[in-house]
């Protein structure tokens, strides 16, 4: 996960075949990415 955060400008996360999160580098944390990956993403954290 640190490698993804270190080299990405934007990160898209999928859960069960659907986009569950889109994060800019400055808003992405390991916790927010993992929450999106397991389907516990809150809509106010989704950056589209």
N, C-alpha and C. Protein backbone atom coordinates (compact mmCIF):
# COMPACT_ATOMS: atom_id res chain seq x y z
N UNK A 1 0.81 -1.20 0.00
CA UNK A 1 0.00 0.00 0.00
C UNK A 1 0.85 1.27 0.00
N UNK A 2 1.94 1.35 0.75
CA UNK A 2 2.76 2.57 0.69
C UNK A 2 3.28 2.86 -0.71
N UNK A 3 3.57 1.81 -1.49
CA UNK A 3 4.05 2.01 -2.85
C UNK A 3 2.97 2.66 -3.72
N UNK A 4 1.74 2.21 -3.57
CA UNK A 4 0.62 2.77 -4.34
C UNK A 4 0.46 4.25 -3.99
N UNK A 5 0.47 4.56 -2.70
CA UNK A 5 0.31 5.95 -2.27
C UNK A 5 1.48 6.82 -2.72
N UNK A 6 2.67 6.24 -2.77
CA UNK A 6 3.86 7.00 -3.14
C UNK A 6 3.99 7.30 -4.62
N UNK A 7 3.42 6.48 -5.49
CA UNK A 7 3.64 6.67 -6.92
C UNK A 7 2.40 7.12 -7.70
N UNK A 8 1.29 7.28 -7.03
CA UNK A 8 0.03 7.56 -7.74
C UNK A 8 -0.42 9.01 -7.55
N UNK A 9 -0.99 9.56 -8.61
CA UNK A 9 -1.63 10.86 -8.53
C UNK A 9 -3.11 10.71 -8.20
N UNK A 10 -3.67 9.60 -8.66
CA UNK A 10 -5.08 9.31 -8.44
C UNK A 10 -5.21 7.80 -8.26
N UNK A 11 -6.07 7.39 -7.33
CA UNK A 11 -6.24 5.96 -7.04
C UNK A 11 -7.72 5.62 -7.15
N UNK A 12 -8.03 4.61 -7.95
CA UNK A 12 -9.39 4.11 -8.08
C UNK A 12 -9.46 2.77 -7.36
N UNK A 13 -10.51 2.58 -6.55
CA UNK A 13 -10.66 1.36 -5.77
C UNK A 13 -11.96 0.70 -6.18
N UNK A 14 -11.91 -0.62 -6.37
CA UNK A 14 -13.11 -1.38 -6.72
C UNK A 14 -13.46 -2.34 -5.60
N UNK A 15 -14.76 -2.58 -5.45
CA UNK A 15 -15.28 -3.56 -4.50
C UNK A 15 -16.42 -4.29 -5.19
N UNK A 16 -16.33 -5.61 -5.25
CA UNK A 16 -17.34 -6.45 -5.89
C UNK A 16 -17.65 -6.00 -7.32
N UNK A 17 -16.60 -5.66 -8.07
CA UNK A 17 -16.75 -5.30 -9.48
C UNK A 17 -17.26 -3.90 -9.75
N UNK A 18 -17.39 -3.09 -8.72
CA UNK A 18 -17.88 -1.71 -8.91
C UNK A 18 -16.89 -0.73 -8.30
N UNK A 19 -16.84 0.45 -8.88
CA UNK A 19 -15.99 1.52 -8.36
C UNK A 19 -16.53 1.95 -7.00
N UNK A 20 -15.71 1.83 -5.97
CA UNK A 20 -16.15 2.20 -4.63
C UNK A 20 -15.42 3.42 -4.09
N UNK A 21 -14.40 3.88 -4.80
CA UNK A 21 -13.70 5.07 -4.36
C UNK A 21 -12.73 5.59 -5.40
N UNK A 22 -12.62 6.90 -5.45
CA UNK A 22 -11.64 7.57 -6.29
C UNK A 22 -11.00 8.64 -5.43
N UNK A 23 -9.68 8.55 -5.28
CA UNK A 23 -8.97 9.42 -4.36
C UNK A 23 -7.85 10.16 -5.06
N UNK A 24 -7.70 11.43 -4.76
CA UNK A 24 -6.52 12.19 -5.15
C UNK A 24 -5.42 11.86 -4.15
N UNK A 25 -4.17 12.02 -4.57
CA UNK A 25 -3.04 11.68 -3.70
C UNK A 25 -3.14 12.38 -2.35
N UNK A 26 -3.48 13.65 -2.34
CA UNK A 26 -3.48 14.39 -1.08
C UNK A 26 -4.62 13.99 -0.13
N UNK A 27 -5.65 13.31 -0.63
CA UNK A 27 -6.76 12.87 0.21
C UNK A 27 -6.74 11.39 0.53
N UNK A 28 -5.83 10.65 -0.07
CA UNK A 28 -5.79 9.19 0.10
C UNK A 28 -4.98 8.83 1.34
N UNK A 29 -5.55 7.95 2.15
CA UNK A 29 -4.83 7.35 3.27
C UNK A 29 -5.00 5.84 3.15
N UNK A 30 -4.14 5.11 3.81
CA UNK A 30 -4.27 3.66 3.80
C UNK A 30 -5.62 3.24 4.34
N UNK A 31 -6.07 3.91 5.37
CA UNK A 31 -7.35 3.58 5.99
C UNK A 31 -8.52 3.82 5.04
N UNK A 32 -8.51 4.96 4.33
CA UNK A 32 -9.62 5.27 3.42
C UNK A 32 -9.62 4.32 2.22
N UNK A 33 -8.45 3.94 1.73
CA UNK A 33 -8.38 3.00 0.61
C UNK A 33 -8.87 1.62 1.03
N UNK A 34 -8.48 1.17 2.20
CA UNK A 34 -8.91 -0.14 2.66
C UNK A 34 -10.41 -0.15 2.96
N UNK A 35 -10.94 0.94 3.48
CA UNK A 35 -12.39 1.03 3.72
C UNK A 35 -13.14 0.89 2.40
N UNK A 36 -12.67 1.55 1.36
CA UNK A 36 -13.31 1.45 0.05
C UNK A 36 -13.17 0.04 -0.51
N UNK A 37 -12.03 -0.60 -0.29
CA UNK A 37 -11.79 -1.94 -0.83
C UNK A 37 -12.68 -3.00 -0.20
N UNK A 38 -13.08 -2.79 1.05
CA UNK A 38 -13.93 -3.78 1.71
C UNK A 38 -15.40 -3.37 1.73
N UNK A 39 -15.73 -2.26 1.06
CA UNK A 39 -17.12 -1.85 0.92
C UNK A 39 -17.65 -1.00 2.05
N UNK A 40 -16.78 -0.42 2.85
CA UNK A 40 -17.22 0.43 3.95
C UNK A 40 -16.97 1.90 3.65
N UNK A 41 -17.01 2.24 2.39
CA UNK A 41 -16.77 3.60 1.94
C UNK A 41 -18.00 4.46 2.17
N UNK A 42 -17.82 5.63 2.75
CA UNK A 42 -18.92 6.58 2.92
C UNK A 42 -18.94 7.52 1.72
N UNK A 43 -20.11 7.88 1.27
CA UNK A 43 -20.25 8.66 0.05
C UNK A 43 -19.58 10.02 0.15
N UNK A 44 -19.47 10.62 1.35
CA UNK A 44 -18.84 11.93 1.45
C UNK A 44 -17.34 11.86 1.25
N UNK A 45 -16.74 10.65 1.36
CA UNK A 45 -15.32 10.49 1.11
C UNK A 45 -15.00 10.22 -0.35
N UNK A 46 -16.01 9.92 -1.14
CA UNK A 46 -15.82 9.61 -2.55
C UNK A 46 -15.52 10.90 -3.32
N UNK A 47 -14.39 10.93 -4.01
CA UNK A 47 -13.99 12.11 -4.78
C UNK A 47 -14.15 11.76 -6.24
N UNK A 48 -15.17 12.32 -6.90
CA UNK A 48 -15.43 12.01 -8.30
C UNK A 48 -15.34 13.24 -9.14
